[in-house]
Amino acid sequence: MQKVEIKLIGSEINGDIYVTKKGTYLCDVDFNPNNPYLHTMTRNDFDGEPNIPVRDDIDFVIVDKFSDE
């Protein structure tokens, strides 16, 4: 299973907003850091709407800092 690090960068009415090392914005629509239900964001925009649920074959790991920072 592929692992992808994500970092919490804020919270909106739709959910907690995360970003990947590559700059992809994701939204946890359940506000649950222990088991996030992540969706892509429309136009890959922090202020976008949750769009499509992410694939379930990716293991997202919440970090404070990306491994190469």
Protein backbone atom coordinates (compact mmCIF):
# COMPACT_ATOMS: atom_id res chain seq x y z
CA MET A 1 0.00 0.00 0.00
CA GLN A 2 1.31 3.45 -0.93
CA LYS A 3 1.91 5.84 1.99
CA VAL A 4 1.35 9.58 1.59
CA GLU A 5 2.16 12.13 4.29
CA ILE A 6 -0.41 14.86 4.91
CA LYS A 7 -0.21 17.92 7.14
CA LEU A 8 -3.15 19.73 8.78
CA ILE A 9 -3.20 23.34 7.61
CA GLY A 10 -6.61 24.58 8.71
CA SER A 11 -10.27 23.95 9.25
CA GLU A 12 -13.28 25.12 7.26
CA ILE A 13 -17.00 24.56 7.68
CA ASN A 14 -16.75 21.54 5.34
CA GLY A 15 -13.94 19.83 7.27
CA ASP A 16 -10.31 19.84 8.31
CA ILE A 17 -7.97 20.78 5.44
CA TYR A 18 -4.76 18.86 4.81
CA VAL A 19 -2.05 19.25 2.19
CA THR A 20 0.27 16.62 0.75
CA LYS A 21 3.98 17.13 0.14
CA LYS A 22 3.12 17.64 -3.57
CA GLY A 23 0.63 20.41 -2.75
CA THR A 24 -2.65 18.55 -3.14
CA TYR A 25 -5.38 19.82 -0.82
CA LEU A 26 -7.57 17.23 0.92
CA CYS A 27 -10.58 17.71 3.19
CA ASP A 28 -11.58 15.43 6.07
CA VAL A 29 -15.36 15.78 5.98
CA ASP A 30 -15.73 13.85 9.27
CA PHE A 31 -13.38 16.12 11.32
CA ASN A 32 -11.78 12.91 12.65
CA PRO A 33 -7.95 12.88 12.73
CA ASN A 34 -7.98 9.27 14.00
CA ASN A 35 -9.87 8.02 10.93
CA PRO A 36 -10.18 10.84 8.37
CA TYR A 37 -12.66 10.53 5.49
CA LEU A 38 -10.63 12.43 2.90
CA HIS A 39 -11.90 14.06 -0.28
CA THR A 40 -10.09 16.01 -2.97
CA MET A 41 -10.90 19.73 -3.17
CA THR A 42 -12.50 21.35 -6.21
CA ARG A 43 -9.85 23.14 -8.32
CA ASN A 44 -7.28 21.93 -5.72
CA ASP A 45 -8.11 25.11 -3.80
CA PHE A 46 -8.02 25.55 -0.01
CA ASP A 47 -11.35 27.37 -0.27
CA GLY A 48 -12.84 24.79 -2.65
CA GLU A 49 -15.56 22.29 -1.85
CA PRO A 50 -14.93 18.63 -0.98
CA ASN A 51 -15.15 16.78 -4.27
CA ILE A 52 -14.23 13.12 -4.78
CA PRO A 53 -13.34 10.66 -1.99
CA VAL A 54 -9.69 9.60 -2.20
CA ARG A 55 -8.70 6.07 -3.16
CA ASP A 56 -8.80 3.56 -0.34
CA ASP A 57 -5.56 1.87 -1.42
CA ILE A 58 -3.47 4.82 -0.16
CA ASP A 59 -2.38 4.99 3.48
CA PHE A 60 -2.48 8.66 4.50
CA VAL A 61 -0.19 9.47 7.45
CA ILE A 62 -0.84 12.71 9.36
CA VAL A 63 2.42 14.47 10.23
CA ASP A 64 3.45 17.77 11.82
CA LYS A 65 6.34 18.14 9.34
CA PHE A 66 6.99 16.33 6.08
CA SER A 67 9.86 13.85 6.23
CA ASP A 68 12.15 16.02 4.07
CA GLU A 69 11.54 19.33 5.91
